[in-house]
N, C-alpha and C. Protein backbone atom coordinates (compact mmCIF):
# COMPACT_ATOMS: atom_id res chain seq x y z
N ASP A 1 -6.76 78.16 17.28
CA ASP A 1 -8.10 77.69 17.19
C ASP A 1 -8.29 76.31 16.44
N ASP A 2 -9.34 74.90 16.84
CA ASP A 2 -9.23 74.30 16.39
C ASP A 2 -10.38 73.92 15.55
N ALA A 3 -10.28 73.15 15.03
CA ALA A 3 -11.56 72.72 13.60
C ALA A 3 -12.57 72.16 14.15
N ASN A 4 -12.24 71.42 15.23
CA ASN A 4 -13.50 70.41 16.15
C ASN A 4 -13.91 71.38 17.29
N SER A 5 -13.90 72.29 17.27
CA SER A 5 -13.76 73.77 18.81
C SER A 5 -15.76 73.32 19.12
N GLY A 6 -16.24 72.37 18.59
CA GLY A 6 -17.83 72.88 19.08
C GLY A 6 -18.64 73.50 18.79
N ASP A 7 -18.00 74.81 18.64
CA ASP A 7 -18.76 75.60 18.77
C ASP A 7 -19.70 75.53 17.19
N ASN A 8 -21.15 75.82 17.55
CA ASN A 8 -22.31 75.89 16.33
C ASN A 8 -21.42 77.14 16.05
N ALA A 9 -21.90 77.90 14.77
CA ALA A 9 -21.21 79.14 13.73
C ALA A 9 -22.67 80.00 14.66
N THR A 10 -24.09 79.71 15.08
CA THR A 10 -24.57 80.89 14.84
C THR A 10 -23.82 81.24 16.81
N ASP A 11 -23.55 80.61 17.84
CA ASP A 11 -22.50 80.68 18.92
C ASP A 11 -21.41 81.38 18.57
N ASN A 12 -20.87 81.06 17.63
CA ASN A 12 -19.51 81.59 17.57
C ASN A 12 -19.48 82.67 15.96
N PRO A 13 -20.00 83.73 15.34
CA PRO A 13 -19.92 84.16 13.90
C PRO A 13 -18.86 84.39 13.67
N ARG A 14 -17.85 84.16 14.43
CA ARG A 14 -16.24 85.14 13.56
C ARG A 14 -15.55 83.96 13.93
N ARG A 15 -16.12 82.50 14.16
CA ARG A 15 -15.18 81.48 13.98
C ARG A 15 -14.69 81.08 12.28
N PRO A 16 -13.95 80.44 12.16
CA PRO A 16 -13.77 79.64 10.83
C PRO A 16 -14.29 78.47 10.69
N PRO A 17 -14.92 78.39 9.30
CA PRO A 17 -15.41 77.37 9.42
C PRO A 17 -14.74 76.11 9.43
N ARG A 18 -15.52 75.18 10.32
CA ARG A 18 -14.81 73.55 10.76
C ARG A 18 -14.90 72.74 9.36
N ILE A 19 -13.34 72.30 8.57
CA ILE A 19 -13.56 71.70 7.73
C ILE A 19 -12.67 70.92 7.34
N ALA A 20 -13.09 69.42 7.09
CA ALA A 20 -12.79 67.66 7.11
C ALA A 20 -13.17 67.04 5.92
N ILE A 21 -12.28 66.35 5.90
CA ILE A 21 -11.97 65.24 4.88
C ILE A 21 -11.84 63.80 5.28
N ALA A 22 -13.44 63.09 4.84
CA ALA A 22 -13.40 61.97 5.38
C ALA A 22 -12.97 60.95 4.45
N ASN A 23 -11.66 60.09 4.84
CA ASN A 23 -11.79 59.04 3.48
C ASN A 23 -11.74 57.98 3.36
N ARG A 24 -11.63 57.22 2.84
CA ARG A 24 -11.71 55.74 2.99
C ARG A 24 -10.52 54.96 2.49
N LYS A 25 -10.84 53.53 3.10
CA LYS A 25 -9.48 53.00 3.65
C LYS A 25 -9.26 52.11 2.29
N LYS A 26 -10.09 51.55 1.55
CA LYS A 26 -10.09 50.64 0.61
C LYS A 26 -10.54 51.26 -0.63
N THR A 27 -11.46 50.77 -0.86
CA THR A 27 -11.71 51.50 -2.06
C THR A 27 -12.04 52.71 -2.68
N ARG A 28 -11.96 53.64 -3.78
CA ARG A 28 -12.68 54.80 -3.47
C ARG A 28 -11.87 56.31 -2.69
N GLN A 29 -10.52 55.63 -2.31
CA GLN A 29 -9.61 56.34 -1.56
C GLN A 29 -9.39 57.34 -2.27
N LEU A 30 -9.56 58.99 -1.57
CA LEU A 30 -9.14 60.00 -1.57
C LEU A 30 -7.93 59.94 -1.21
N LEU A 31 -6.49 59.95 -2.80
CA LEU A 31 -5.37 59.89 -3.33
C LEU A 31 -4.18 61.34 -2.18
N GLY A 32 -3.57 61.47 -1.53
CA GLY A 32 -2.98 62.46 -0.81
C GLY A 32 -3.67 63.59 -0.15
N ALA A 33 -4.80 62.65 0.68
CA ALA A 33 -6.02 63.54 1.27
C ALA A 33 -5.04 64.97 2.36
N HIS A 34 -4.20 64.31 2.78
CA HIS A 34 -3.37 65.22 3.97
C HIS A 34 -2.58 66.25 3.02
N ASP A 35 -2.41 66.33 2.07
CA ASP A 35 -1.48 67.23 1.08
C ASP A 35 -3.05 67.93 0.42
N VAL A 36 -4.22 67.44 0.34
CA VAL A 36 -5.50 67.92 0.13
C VAL A 36 -5.47 69.28 0.87
N ALA A 37 -5.23 68.53 2.49
CA ALA A 37 -5.36 69.48 3.32
C ALA A 37 -5.03 70.40 3.87
N ALA A 38 -3.46 70.51 3.33
CA ALA A 38 -2.51 71.41 3.13
C ALA A 38 -2.77 72.53 2.61
N HIS A 39 -2.97 71.97 1.30
CA HIS A 39 -3.53 73.08 0.50
C HIS A 39 -5.10 74.09 0.40
N LEU A 40 -5.74 73.16 1.18
CA LEU A 40 -6.43 74.18 1.70
C LEU A 40 -6.64 74.61 2.44
N GLN A 41 -5.77 74.36 3.82
CA GLN A 41 -5.14 75.53 4.82
C GLN A 41 -4.75 76.48 4.23
N GLU A 42 -3.94 76.38 3.27
CA GLU A 42 -3.57 77.24 2.24
C GLU A 42 -4.29 78.32 1.71
N GLN A 43 -5.08 77.81 1.03
CA GLN A 43 -5.58 78.33 -0.33
C GLN A 43 -6.92 79.23 0.75
N LEU A 44 -7.51 78.50 1.27
CA LEU A 44 -8.49 79.46 2.48
C LEU A 44 -7.43 80.18 3.40
N ALA A 45 -6.44 80.55 3.75
CA ALA A 45 -6.32 81.08 4.67
C ALA A 45 -6.66 80.37 6.00
N LEU A 46 -6.73 79.04 6.19
CA LEU A 46 -7.66 78.57 7.66
C LEU A 46 -6.32 78.25 8.61
N PRO A 47 -7.14 79.06 9.54
CA PRO A 47 -5.80 78.94 11.05
C PRO A 47 -5.66 77.61 11.56
N TYR A 48 -6.00 76.43 10.82
CA TYR A 48 -5.67 75.21 11.42
C TYR A 48 -5.76 74.30 9.86
N ARG A 49 -5.23 73.56 10.11
CA ARG A 49 -5.05 72.72 9.06
C ARG A 49 -6.25 71.18 8.73
N PRO A 50 -7.54 71.18 7.62
CA PRO A 50 -8.44 70.20 8.22
C PRO A 50 -8.48 68.86 8.18
N PRO A 51 -8.49 68.21 8.96
CA PRO A 51 -8.28 66.89 9.78
C PRO A 51 -9.22 65.92 8.70
N VAL A 52 -8.11 64.85 8.71
CA VAL A 52 -8.40 63.52 7.71
C VAL A 52 -9.02 62.25 8.58
N PHE A 53 -10.07 61.77 8.58
CA PHE A 53 -10.43 60.88 9.22
C PHE A 53 -11.09 59.84 8.25
N PHE A 54 -11.34 58.80 8.71
CA PHE A 54 -11.62 57.46 8.62
C PHE A 54 -12.66 56.93 9.31
N PHE A 55 -13.81 56.55 8.35
CA PHE A 55 -15.22 56.28 9.31
C PHE A 55 -15.18 54.73 9.79
N GLU A 56 -13.96 54.00 8.88
CA GLU A 56 -13.90 52.52 9.30
C GLU A 56 -13.82 51.96 10.54
N ASN A 57 -14.05 51.46 11.51
CA ASN A 57 -13.55 50.84 12.50
C ASN A 57 -14.04 52.27 13.59
N MET A 58 -14.89 53.07 13.18
CA MET A 58 -14.99 54.06 14.06
C MET A 58 -16.49 54.15 15.14
N PRO A 59 -16.45 53.61 16.18
CA PRO A 59 -17.76 53.95 16.57
C PRO A 59 -18.72 54.82 16.50
N PHE A 60 -19.95 54.34 16.24
CA PHE A 60 -21.06 54.81 15.98
C PHE A 60 -20.88 56.62 16.82
N GLU A 61 -21.14 56.93 18.02
CA GLU A 61 -20.92 57.66 18.86
C GLU A 61 -20.07 58.58 17.98
N LYS A 62 -18.66 57.99 17.88
CA LYS A 62 -17.68 58.88 16.73
C LYS A 62 -18.11 59.63 15.88
N GLN A 63 -18.41 58.67 15.27
CA GLN A 63 -18.88 58.68 13.98
C GLN A 63 -20.26 60.59 13.71
N VAL A 64 -21.43 60.12 14.30
CA VAL A 64 -22.22 61.39 14.96
C VAL A 64 -21.29 62.64 15.65
N GLU A 65 -20.16 62.21 16.34
CA GLU A 65 -20.01 63.74 16.47
C GLU A 65 -19.26 64.32 15.78
N ALA A 66 -17.97 63.60 14.86
CA ALA A 66 -17.72 63.99 13.75
C ALA A 66 -18.27 65.02 12.79
N TYR A 67 -19.52 64.12 12.21
CA TYR A 67 -20.58 65.23 11.85
C TYR A 67 -21.26 66.13 12.24
N ASN A 68 -20.94 66.09 13.48
CA ASN A 68 -21.93 67.21 14.08
C ASN A 68 -20.80 68.15 14.26
N ASN A 69 -19.86 68.18 13.88
CA ASN A 69 -18.44 68.74 14.44
C ASN A 69 -17.68 69.25 13.25
N VAL A 70 -18.47 69.43 12.20
CA VAL A 70 -17.99 69.81 11.03
C VAL A 70 -19.30 70.77 10.13
N ASP A 71 -18.08 71.89 9.29
CA ASP A 71 -19.17 72.44 8.55
C ASP A 71 -19.24 72.08 7.06
N ILE A 72 -18.37 71.98 6.47
CA ILE A 72 -17.82 71.52 5.40
C ILE A 72 -17.20 70.26 5.49
N LEU A 73 -17.48 69.20 4.31
CA LEU A 73 -17.15 67.97 5.11
C LEU A 73 -16.78 67.49 2.80
N LEU A 74 -15.61 67.06 3.03
CA LEU A 74 -15.42 66.60 1.60
C LEU A 74 -15.06 65.40 1.91
N SER A 75 -15.86 64.19 0.49
CA SER A 75 -16.14 63.02 1.16
C SER A 75 -15.79 62.20 -0.23
N PRO A 76 -15.14 60.88 -0.56
CA PRO A 76 -15.36 60.52 -2.11
C PRO A 76 -17.03 59.44 -1.20
N HIS A 77 -17.39 59.22 -2.68
CA HIS A 77 -18.58 59.04 -2.58
C HIS A 77 -18.66 57.48 -2.22
N GLY A 78 -19.84 57.24 -0.70
CA GLY A 78 -19.47 56.11 -0.36
C GLY A 78 -20.51 56.09 1.11
N ALA A 79 -20.61 54.93 1.43
CA ALA A 79 -21.96 54.51 2.67
C ALA A 79 -21.81 55.51 4.02
N ALA A 80 -20.14 56.21 4.10
CA ALA A 80 -19.98 56.87 5.04
C ALA A 80 -20.72 58.54 5.34
N LEU A 81 -21.22 58.64 4.22
CA LEU A 81 -22.36 59.91 3.88
C LEU A 81 -23.27 59.60 4.68
N THR A 82 -23.64 58.46 4.87
CA THR A 82 -25.25 58.16 5.57
C THR A 82 -25.48 59.20 6.69
N GLY A 83 -24.42 59.40 7.21
CA GLY A 83 -24.86 60.23 8.64
C GLY A 83 -24.76 62.28 8.04
N ILE A 84 -24.68 61.98 6.69
CA ILE A 84 -25.58 63.41 6.39
C ILE A 84 -26.50 64.21 7.64
N PRO A 85 -27.67 63.41 7.85
CA PRO A 85 -28.08 64.61 9.16
C PRO A 85 -27.94 64.47 10.19
N PHE A 86 -26.60 63.99 10.65
CA PHE A 86 -26.46 64.40 11.87
C PHE A 86 -25.12 65.94 11.68
N MET A 87 -24.90 66.43 10.49
CA MET A 87 -24.49 67.35 10.14
C MET A 87 -25.56 68.84 10.83
N SER A 88 -24.59 69.74 10.90
CA SER A 88 -25.48 71.36 11.75
C SER A 88 -25.77 71.81 10.17
N PRO A 89 -26.91 72.50 10.97
CA PRO A 89 -27.52 73.89 9.76
C PRO A 89 -26.54 74.31 9.18
N CYS A 90 -26.86 74.93 8.09
CA CYS A 90 -26.01 75.65 7.01
C CYS A 90 -24.51 75.30 7.22
N SER A 91 -24.45 73.39 7.39
CA SER A 91 -23.54 72.81 6.73
C SER A 91 -23.58 72.73 5.41
N ALA A 92 -22.48 71.94 4.91
CA ALA A 92 -22.32 71.17 3.32
C ALA A 92 -21.60 70.33 3.21
N VAL A 93 -21.83 69.09 2.06
CA VAL A 93 -21.13 67.70 1.86
C VAL A 93 -20.79 68.29 0.48
N ILE A 94 -19.10 68.14 0.04
CA ILE A 94 -18.71 67.67 -1.05
C ILE A 94 -18.47 66.63 -1.87
N GLU A 95 -19.16 65.96 -2.49
CA GLU A 95 -19.00 64.34 -2.97
C GLU A 95 -18.01 64.39 -4.26
N VAL A 96 -17.05 63.51 -3.82
CA VAL A 96 -15.92 63.52 -5.02
C VAL A 96 -16.57 62.21 -5.72
N PHE A 97 -16.72 62.11 -7.22
CA PHE A 97 -17.53 60.84 -7.79
C PHE A 97 -16.17 59.96 -8.96
N PRO A 98 -15.90 59.08 -8.52
CA PRO A 98 -14.90 58.84 -9.70
C PRO A 98 -15.69 58.59 -11.09
N PHE A 99 -14.46 59.19 -12.06
CA PHE A 99 -15.11 58.71 -13.64
C PHE A 99 -16.24 57.41 -14.03
N GLY A 100 -16.96 58.31 -14.32
CA GLY A 100 -18.36 56.57 -14.66
C GLY A 100 -19.28 56.31 -13.46
N TYR A 101 -18.99 56.92 -12.84
CA TYR A 101 -19.79 56.87 -11.36
C TYR A 101 -20.51 57.95 -10.93
N GLY A 102 -21.61 58.63 -11.94
CA GLY A 102 -22.33 59.48 -11.28
C GLY A 102 -23.62 59.87 -10.43
N ARG A 103 -23.36 59.13 -9.42
CA ARG A 103 -24.87 58.93 -8.88
C ARG A 103 -25.37 59.92 -7.59
N ASP A 104 -25.44 61.16 -8.60
CA ASP A 104 -25.36 62.65 -7.49
C ASP A 104 -26.77 62.78 -6.35
N LYS A 105 -27.90 61.66 -7.40
CA LYS A 105 -28.91 61.56 -6.14
C LYS A 105 -29.09 61.29 -5.14
N TYR A 106 -28.30 60.46 -5.42
CA TYR A 106 -28.34 59.36 -3.53
C TYR A 106 -28.13 60.54 -2.22
N TYR A 107 -26.64 60.83 -2.13
CA TYR A 107 -26.38 62.00 -1.07
C TYR A 107 -26.74 62.99 -1.44
N GLY A 108 -27.02 63.58 -2.29
CA GLY A 108 -27.73 64.92 -2.68
C GLY A 108 -29.29 65.03 -2.16
N ARG A 109 -30.04 63.75 -2.42
CA ARG A 109 -31.04 63.73 -1.68
C ARG A 109 -31.35 63.68 -0.13
N LEU A 110 -30.47 63.24 -0.01
CA LEU A 110 -30.32 63.28 1.75
C LEU A 110 -29.95 64.68 2.32
N SER A 111 -29.22 64.84 1.75
CA SER A 111 -28.49 65.84 2.03
C SER A 111 -29.75 67.39 2.30
N ALA A 112 -30.78 67.32 1.02
CA ALA A 112 -31.62 67.85 0.97
C ALA A 112 -32.56 67.56 2.12
N LEU A 113 -32.90 67.00 2.25
CA LEU A 113 -33.87 66.37 3.28
C LEU A 113 -33.33 66.73 4.94
N ALA A 114 -31.96 66.81 4.81
CA ALA A 114 -31.29 67.32 5.95
C ALA A 114 -30.87 68.44 6.25
N GLY A 115 -31.35 69.52 5.17
CA GLY A 115 -31.48 70.64 5.08
C GLY A 115 -29.60 70.99 4.86
N VAL A 116 -28.95 70.08 4.80
CA VAL A 116 -27.77 70.23 4.08
C VAL A 116 -27.29 70.87 2.74
N ASN A 117 -26.18 71.50 2.41
CA ASN A 117 -25.86 72.04 1.41
C ASN A 117 -25.16 70.68 0.89
N HIS A 118 -25.48 70.41 -0.31
CA HIS A 118 -24.60 69.72 -1.45
C HIS A 118 -24.01 69.89 -2.82
N SER A 119 -22.60 69.44 -2.77
CA SER A 119 -22.17 69.80 -3.98
C SER A 119 -21.56 68.15 -5.06
N TYR A 120 -20.80 68.69 -5.75
CA TYR A 120 -19.45 67.12 -5.89
C TYR A 120 -19.05 67.77 -7.02
N ILE A 121 -17.72 67.11 -7.10
CA ILE A 121 -16.57 67.04 -8.04
C ILE A 121 -16.94 65.39 -8.51
N TYR A 122 -17.02 65.57 -10.34
CA TYR A 122 -17.10 64.68 -11.09
C TYR A 122 -15.48 64.69 -11.60
N LEU A 123 -14.96 63.21 -11.88
CA LEU A 123 -13.84 62.73 -11.75
C LEU A 123 -13.55 62.84 -13.27
N GLY A 124 -14.44 62.82 -14.08
CA GLY A 124 -14.73 62.48 -15.55
C GLY A 124 -14.94 63.86 -16.58
N GLU A 125 -15.42 64.05 -17.51
CA GLU A 125 -15.71 64.98 -18.70
C GLU A 125 -17.77 64.98 -18.51
N HIS A 126 -18.04 64.43 -19.11
CA HIS A 126 -19.63 64.39 -19.15
C HIS A 126 -20.27 62.89 -18.22
N MET A 127 -20.40 63.37 -17.34
CA MET A 127 -20.91 62.06 -16.09
C MET A 127 -22.61 61.57 -16.77
N LYS A 128 -23.70 62.55 -17.38
CA LYS A 128 -24.53 61.70 -17.42
C LYS A 128 -23.86 60.18 -18.30
N GLU A 129 -23.25 60.87 -19.59
CA GLU A 129 -22.90 59.80 -20.73
C GLU A 129 -22.09 59.02 -20.08
N GLU A 130 -20.98 59.21 -19.53
CA GLU A 130 -20.03 58.12 -19.16
C GLU A 130 -20.61 57.24 -17.94
N THR A 131 -21.32 57.71 -17.28
CA THR A 131 -21.68 56.73 -16.08
C THR A 131 -23.28 55.81 -16.97
N GLU A 132 -23.96 56.61 -17.91
CA GLU A 132 -25.11 55.35 -18.58
C GLU A 132 -24.03 54.34 -19.17
N GLN A 133 -22.34 54.99 -20.03
CA GLN A 133 -22.02 53.65 -20.39
C GLN A 133 -21.33 52.69 -20.06
N MET A 134 -20.92 52.68 -18.64
CA MET A 134 -20.37 52.25 -17.22
C MET A 134 -21.92 51.25 -16.86
N ASP A 135 -22.65 51.66 -17.12
CA ASP A 135 -23.50 50.95 -16.10
C ASP A 135 -24.41 49.79 -16.18
N THR A 136 -23.03 49.04 -16.42
CA THR A 136 -23.22 47.18 -16.65
C THR A 136 -22.24 46.77 -15.29
N ARG A 137 -22.88 45.28 -15.79
CA ARG A 137 -22.20 45.01 -13.86
C ARG A 137 -20.83 44.80 -13.88
N GLU A 138 -19.70 44.85 -14.96
CA GLU A 138 -18.31 44.95 -14.67
C GLU A 138 -18.10 46.18 -14.75
N GLY A 139 -18.91 47.17 -15.58
CA GLY A 139 -18.39 48.68 -15.25
C GLY A 139 -18.43 49.36 -13.75
N HIS A 140 -19.73 48.89 -13.70
CA HIS A 140 -19.83 49.80 -11.88
C HIS A 140 -18.84 48.71 -11.11
N GLN A 141 -18.33 47.60 -11.06
CA GLN A 141 -17.69 47.59 -10.14
C GLN A 141 -16.24 48.37 -10.64
N ALA A 142 -16.06 48.56 -11.57
CA ALA A 142 -14.95 49.23 -11.80
C ALA A 142 -14.77 50.47 -11.68
N THR A 143 -15.61 50.92 -11.97
CA THR A 143 -16.25 52.21 -11.39
C THR A 143 -16.18 52.68 -9.70
N ARG A 144 -16.41 51.40 -8.92
CA ARG A 144 -16.16 51.73 -7.68
C ARG A 144 -15.03 51.42 -6.97
N ASP A 145 -14.23 50.89 -7.63
CA ASP A 145 -12.84 50.09 -6.57
C ASP A 145 -12.13 51.24 -7.11
N PRO A 146 -11.28 52.21 -7.90
CA PRO A 146 -10.34 52.76 -8.16
C PRO A 146 -10.18 53.82 -7.30
N SER A 147 -8.74 54.28 -6.87
CA SER A 147 -8.41 55.40 -6.10
C SER A 147 -8.73 56.59 -7.07
N LEU A 148 -8.93 57.75 -6.10
CA LEU A 148 -9.53 59.07 -6.25
C LEU A 148 -8.44 59.86 -6.20
N CYS A 149 -8.25 60.73 -7.30
CA CYS A 149 -7.04 61.44 -7.74
C CYS A 149 -7.86 62.71 -8.34
N ALA A 150 -8.33 63.64 -7.34
CA ALA A 150 -8.85 64.88 -7.36
C ALA A 150 -7.60 65.93 -7.89
N PRO A 151 -8.04 67.05 -8.93
CA PRO A 151 -7.28 68.18 -8.83
C PRO A 151 -7.44 69.27 -7.59
N GLY A 152 -6.21 69.20 -6.44
CA GLY A 152 -6.46 70.66 -5.84
C GLY A 152 -7.00 72.03 -6.12
N HIS A 153 -6.88 72.30 -6.97
CA HIS A 153 -7.65 73.22 -7.31
C HIS A 153 -9.29 73.25 -7.75
N ARG A 154 -9.86 72.26 -8.09
CA ARG A 154 -10.59 72.18 -7.80
C ARG A 154 -11.88 71.42 -6.45
N MET A 155 -11.06 71.45 -6.04
CA MET A 155 -11.30 70.72 -4.57
C MET A 155 -11.52 71.89 -3.57
N ALA A 156 -10.13 72.68 -3.95
CA ALA A 156 -10.28 73.84 -3.21
C ALA A 156 -11.28 75.13 -3.90
N GLU A 157 -11.50 74.98 -4.91
CA GLU A 157 -12.84 75.85 -5.25
C GLU A 157 -14.13 75.13 -4.84
N ALA A 158 -14.32 74.56 -5.50
CA ALA A 158 -15.74 73.70 -4.30
C ALA A 158 -15.86 73.83 -2.59
N VAL A 159 -14.66 74.36 -2.31
CA VAL A 159 -14.68 74.22 -1.10
C VAL A 159 -14.42 75.65 -0.21
N ARG A 160 -14.19 76.58 -1.68
CA ARG A 160 -14.44 78.20 -1.02
C ARG A 160 -15.95 78.46 -1.57
N ILE A 161 -16.47 78.15 -2.76
CA ILE A 161 -18.26 78.08 -2.69
C ILE A 161 -18.76 77.74 -1.72
N GLN A 162 -18.45 76.51 -1.01
CA GLN A 162 -19.31 76.36 0.31
C GLN A 162 -19.14 76.66 1.21
N VAL A 163 -17.87 77.34 1.50
CA VAL A 163 -17.81 78.20 2.92
C VAL A 163 -18.11 79.37 2.71
N ASP A 164 -18.40 80.12 1.37
CA ASP A 164 -18.74 81.60 1.00
C ASP A 164 -20.87 81.24 1.58
N ARG A 165 -21.34 79.82 1.00
CA ARG A 165 -22.14 79.88 1.12
C ARG A 165 -22.71 79.60 2.83
N TRP A 166 -21.91 78.87 3.45
CA TRP A 166 -21.81 78.63 4.81
C TRP A 166 -22.06 80.15 5.71
N LYS A 167 -20.71 80.81 5.51
CA LYS A 167 -21.19 82.43 6.05
C LYS A 167 -22.27 83.31 5.86
N GLN A 168 -22.55 82.87 4.53
CA GLN A 168 -24.26 83.84 4.41
C GLN A 168 -25.29 83.13 5.34
N CYS A 169 -25.28 81.60 5.48
CA CYS A 169 -26.31 81.15 5.76
C CYS A 169 -26.45 81.50 7.13
N CYS A 170 -25.11 80.98 7.78
CA CYS A 170 -25.24 81.34 9.66
C CYS A 170 -24.79 83.08 9.81
N GLY A 171 -24.11 84.07 8.83
CA GLY A 171 -24.20 85.16 9.22
C GLY A 171 -22.66 85.27 9.40
N CYS A 172 -21.84 84.15 9.38
CA CYS A 172 -20.40 84.27 10.03
C CYS A 172 -19.85 84.99 8.93
N ASN A 173 -20.18 86.24 8.14
CA ASN A 173 -18.94 86.92 7.91
C ASN A 173 -19.29 88.06 8.76
N GLU A 174 -17.84 88.99 8.83
CA GLU A 174 -18.19 90.17 9.29
C GLU A 174 -18.92 90.92 9.35
N GLU A 175 -19.66 91.24 7.68
CA GLU A 175 -20.05 92.09 7.46
C GLU A 175 -21.34 92.56 7.95
N VAL A 176 -21.81 90.90 8.31
CA VAL A 176 -23.24 90.57 8.63
C VAL A 176 -23.06 90.39 10.21
N ALA A 177 -22.14 90.25 10.72
CA ALA A 177 -21.81 89.73 12.26
C ALA A 177 -21.62 91.22 13.16
N ASN A 178 -21.16 92.14 11.87
CA ASN A 178 -20.89 93.54 12.84
C ASN A 178 -21.37 94.45 11.46
N PRO A 179 -22.75 94.52 10.95
CA PRO A 179 -22.84 95.75 10.25
C PRO A 179 -22.81 96.61 10.13
N LEU A 180 -22.27 97.41 11.12
CA LEU A 180 -21.87 98.82 11.33
C LEU A 180 -20.50 98.88 11.31
N GLY A 181 -19.72 97.68 11.31
CA GLY A 181 -18.22 98.32 11.41
C GLY A 181 -17.71 98.60 12.74
N ILE A 182 -18.71 98.24 13.68
CA ILE A 182 -17.55 98.56 15.03
C ILE A 182 -16.83 97.68 15.46
N LYS A 183 -15.67 97.89 15.94
CA LYS A 183 -14.25 96.78 16.40
C LYS A 183 -15.03 96.72 18.13
């Protein structure tokens, strides 16, 4: 099975969710993205390794296709998330924020408008307070530039939660897809 099979969840209620990582090449790059993909494959017992891709220099049509063929997208905060409206119903975005840059309203609102689930991982302790402290021109630039090193267990747990929501939304768990247990 391929993560980008093109099937809508409702067309094939027993297929695994299509999980992918959209990374960045310069600022706010998710370090070890391929290791995260391997960790997700192992932790979630996926029959495939989630692909890692970059939207920089990708033609618009390919970006739309990528968004439309992903059920759960893990991505650093950034402009690449403007493609959220191209995601399918029941899909989800997990946004990773660097320390001091907890701006969850931007793509959280876009997700809500598009009918896409949204959650985030903040790489600090107290998002609101730390974001306010860094809310200066110098602090803002400092929070935009660093590479991100999110703990694998936090990303796996965030994805696991969204997989459960995806299954519930599209009826992709076996209990819903086969309520009588007939094989």
